[in-house]
Amino acid sequence: MIAADILASYGSLARYRNVERIIKVNDNIILGAGGDYADYQYLKNMIDQKILEEQCLDDGFTLKPKSLHCWLTRVLYNQRSKFDPLWNNFIIAGFDNGKP
């Protein structure tokens, strides 16, 4: 089970009260996020693009939780190295060959 808050704040102002921070990446992976909502939206678009490219390959392979974790850590490290970090925390949950 994964739970996340649904509040997006602008400074100390509770600006948006019903935002989604948990996404189903594919049939095997769920991603939960906390932190800056704009950074979450940026990464969500990147993940959606990655899934689309993977589906276009149509090679029978799907993204696995370990693969998503590895890719996401590289993306976050790359942004930190540019001194423009993404201010998020992520939880990746899923099944790999039927095992959690």
C-alpha atoms as a PDB file:
ATOM      1  CA  MET A   1       0.000   0.000   0.000  1.00  0.00           C
ATOM      2  CA  ILE A   2       1.232   3.475  -0.879  1.00  0.00           C
ATOM      3  CA  ALA A   3      -0.268   6.715   0.404  1.00  0.00           C
ATOM      4  CA  ALA A   4       0.565  10.325  -0.414  1.00  0.00           C
ATOM      5  CA  ASP A   5      -0.748  13.745   0.496  1.00  0.00           C
ATOM      6  CA  ILE A   6      -3.016  15.543  -1.948  1.00  0.00           C
ATOM      7  CA  LEU A   7      -2.068  19.111  -1.037  1.00  0.00           C
ATOM      8  CA  ALA A   8       0.103  21.314  -3.231  1.00  0.00           C
ATOM      9  CA  SER A   9       1.319  24.460  -1.496  1.00  0.00           C
ATOM     10  CA  TYR A  10       2.684  27.716  -2.805  1.00  0.00           C
ATOM     11  CA  GLY A  11       4.968  28.808   0.006  1.00  0.00           C
ATOM     12  CA  SER A  12       2.821  28.666   3.125  1.00  0.00           C
ATOM     13  CA  LEU A  13      -0.413  28.991   1.133  1.00  0.00           C
ATOM     14  CA  ALA A  14      -2.356  25.746   0.664  1.00  0.00           C
ATOM     15  CA  ARG A  15      -3.026  26.422  -3.017  1.00  0.00           C
ATOM     16  CA  TYR A  16      -4.342  23.168  -4.504  1.00  0.00           C
ATOM     17  CA  ARG A  17      -6.121  20.632  -2.348  1.00  0.00           C
ATOM     18  CA  ASN A  18      -6.695  17.683  -4.666  1.00  0.00           C
ATOM     19  CA  VAL A  19      -3.539  16.817  -6.598  1.00  0.00           C
ATOM     20  CA  GLU A  20      -2.375  13.343  -7.513  1.00  0.00           C
ATOM     21  CA  ARG A  21       1.063  12.196  -6.365  1.00  0.00           C
ATOM     22  CA  ILE A  22       0.795   8.469  -7.041  1.00  0.00           C
ATOM     23  CA  ILE A  23       0.961   7.121 -10.578  1.00  0.00           C
ATOM     24  CA  LYS A  24       0.721   3.705 -12.133  1.00  0.00           C
ATOM     25  CA  VAL A  25       3.802   3.473 -14.338  1.00  0.00           C
ATOM     26  CA  ASN A  26       2.876   0.109 -15.839  1.00  0.00           C
ATOM     27  CA  ASP A  27       1.188  -3.124 -14.733  1.00  0.00           C
ATOM     28  CA  ASN A  28       4.097  -3.898 -12.386  1.00  0.00           C
ATOM     29  CA  ILE A  29       5.131  -0.494 -10.967  1.00  0.00           C
ATOM     30  CA  ILE A  30       3.553   2.216  -8.836  1.00  0.00           C
ATOM     31  CA  LEU A  31       5.421   5.449  -8.109  1.00  0.00           C
ATOM     32  CA  GLY A  32       4.668   7.697  -5.145  1.00  0.00           C
ATOM     33  CA  ALA A  33       6.160  11.165  -4.816  1.00  0.00           C
ATOM     34  CA  GLY A  34       6.473  13.915  -2.256  1.00  0.00           C
ATOM     35  CA  GLY A  35       8.046  17.332  -2.394  1.00  0.00           C
ATOM     36  CA  ASP A  36       7.828  20.032  -5.033  1.00  0.00           C
ATOM     37  CA  TYR A  37       4.829  19.467  -7.289  1.00  0.00           C
ATOM     38  CA  ALA A  38       6.315  21.186 -10.349  1.00  0.00           C
ATOM     39  CA  ASP A  39       9.364  18.905 -10.177  1.00  0.00           C
ATOM     40  CA  TYR A  40       7.023  15.917  -9.834  1.00  0.00           C
ATOM     41  CA  GLN A  41       5.138  16.986 -12.969  1.00  0.00           C
ATOM     42  CA  TYR A  42       8.428  17.375 -14.842  1.00  0.00           C
ATOM     43  CA  LEU A  43       9.547  13.860 -13.873  1.00  0.00           C
ATOM     44  CA  LYS A  44       6.098  12.409 -14.573  1.00  0.00           C
ATOM     45  CA  ASN A  45       6.321  13.733 -18.132  1.00  0.00           C
ATOM     46  CA  MET A  46       9.797  12.211 -18.494  1.00  0.00           C
ATOM     47  CA  ILE A  47       8.547   8.843 -17.198  1.00  0.00           C
ATOM     48  CA  ASP A  48       5.529   8.957 -19.525  1.00  0.00           C
ATOM     49  CA  GLN A  49       7.870   9.614 -22.463  1.00  0.00           C
ATOM     50  CA  LYS A  50      10.108   6.721 -21.392  1.00  0.00           C
ATOM     51  CA  ILE A  51       7.111   4.361 -21.191  1.00  0.00           C
ATOM     52  CA  LEU A  52       5.889   5.510 -24.617  1.00  0.00           C
ATOM     53  CA  GLU A  53       9.309   4.900 -26.180  1.00  0.00           C
ATOM     54  CA  GLU A  54       9.412   1.467 -24.565  1.00  0.00           C
ATOM     55  CA  GLN A  55       5.971   0.575 -25.911  1.00  0.00           C
ATOM     56  CA  CYS A  56       7.007   1.699 -29.398  1.00  0.00           C
ATOM     57  CA  LEU A  57       9.894  -0.787 -29.331  1.00  0.00           C
ATOM     58  CA  ASP A  58       7.368  -3.613 -28.863  1.00  0.00           C
ATOM     59  CA  ASP A  59      10.129  -6.068 -27.970  1.00  0.00           C
ATOM     60  CA  GLY A  60       8.213  -7.889 -25.231  1.00  0.00           C
ATOM     61  CA  PHE A  61      10.160  -6.308 -22.380  1.00  0.00           C
ATOM     62  CA  THR A  62       8.599  -3.982 -19.833  1.00  0.00           C
ATOM     63  CA  LEU A  63      10.163  -1.613 -17.366  1.00  0.00           C
ATOM     64  CA  LYS A  64      10.891  -3.250 -14.017  1.00  0.00           C
ATOM     65  CA  PRO A  65      11.040  -1.560 -10.597  1.00  0.00           C
ATOM     66  CA  LYS A  66      14.834  -1.917 -10.342  1.00  0.00           C
ATOM     67  CA  SER A  67      15.270  -0.431 -13.807  1.00  0.00           C
ATOM     68  CA  LEU A  68      13.046   2.532 -12.983  1.00  0.00           C
ATOM     69  CA  HIS A  69      14.941   3.081  -9.722  1.00  0.00           C
ATOM     70  CA  CYS A  70      18.295   3.021 -11.521  1.00  0.00           C
ATOM     71  CA  TRP A  71      17.086   5.420 -14.226  1.00  0.00           C
ATOM     72  CA  LEU A  72      15.470   7.762 -11.700  1.00  0.00           C
ATOM     73  CA  THR A  73      18.598   7.952  -9.527  1.00  0.00           C
ATOM     74  CA  ARG A  74      20.644   8.865 -12.605  1.00  0.00           C
ATOM     75  CA  VAL A  75      18.170  11.581 -13.594  1.00  0.00           C
ATOM     76  CA  LEU A  76      18.170  13.036 -10.070  1.00  0.00           C
ATOM     77  CA  TYR A  77      21.979  12.896  -9.857  1.00  0.00           C
ATOM     78  CA  ASN A  78      22.289  14.590 -13.254  1.00  0.00           C
ATOM     79  CA  GLN A  79      20.045  17.441 -12.131  1.00  0.00           C
ATOM     80  CA  ARG A  80      21.987  17.821  -8.864  1.00  0.00           C
ATOM     81  CA  SER A  81      25.243  17.951 -10.832  1.00  0.00           C
ATOM     82  CA  LYS A  82      23.864  20.895 -12.817  1.00  0.00           C
ATOM     83  CA  PHE A  83      23.133  22.692  -9.504  1.00  0.00           C
ATOM     84  CA  ASP A  84      19.420  22.536 -10.355  1.00  0.00           C
ATOM     85  CA  PRO A  85      18.174  19.701  -8.124  1.00  0.00           C
ATOM     86  CA  LEU A  86      14.694  18.251  -8.226  1.00  0.00           C
ATOM     87  CA  TRP A  87      13.190  18.621  -4.762  1.00  0.00           C
ATOM     88  CA  ASN A  88      11.327  15.330  -4.512  1.00  0.00           C
ATOM     89  CA  ASN A  89      11.266  12.083  -2.596  1.00  0.00           C
ATOM     90  CA  PHE A  90      10.097   8.949  -4.369  1.00  0.00           C
ATOM     91  CA  ILE A  91       8.852   5.514  -3.454  1.00  0.00           C
ATOM     92  CA  ILE A  92       8.918   2.881  -6.167  1.00  0.00           C
ATOM     93  CA  ALA A  93       6.815  -0.197  -5.501  1.00  0.00           C
ATOM     94  CA  GLY A  94       6.274  -3.115  -7.788  1.00  0.00           C
ATOM     95  CA  PHE A  95       6.703  -6.713  -8.758  1.00  0.00           C
ATOM     96  CA  ASP A  96       9.664  -8.259 -10.544  1.00  0.00           C
ATOM     97  CA  ASN A  97       8.998 -11.815 -11.753  1.00  0.00           C
ATOM     98  CA  GLY A  98       6.119 -12.099  -9.286  1.00  0.00           C
ATOM     99  CA  LYS A  99       8.195 -11.006  -6.293  1.00  0.00           C
ATOM    100  CA  PRO A 100       7.701  -7.677  -4.481  1.00  0.00           C
END
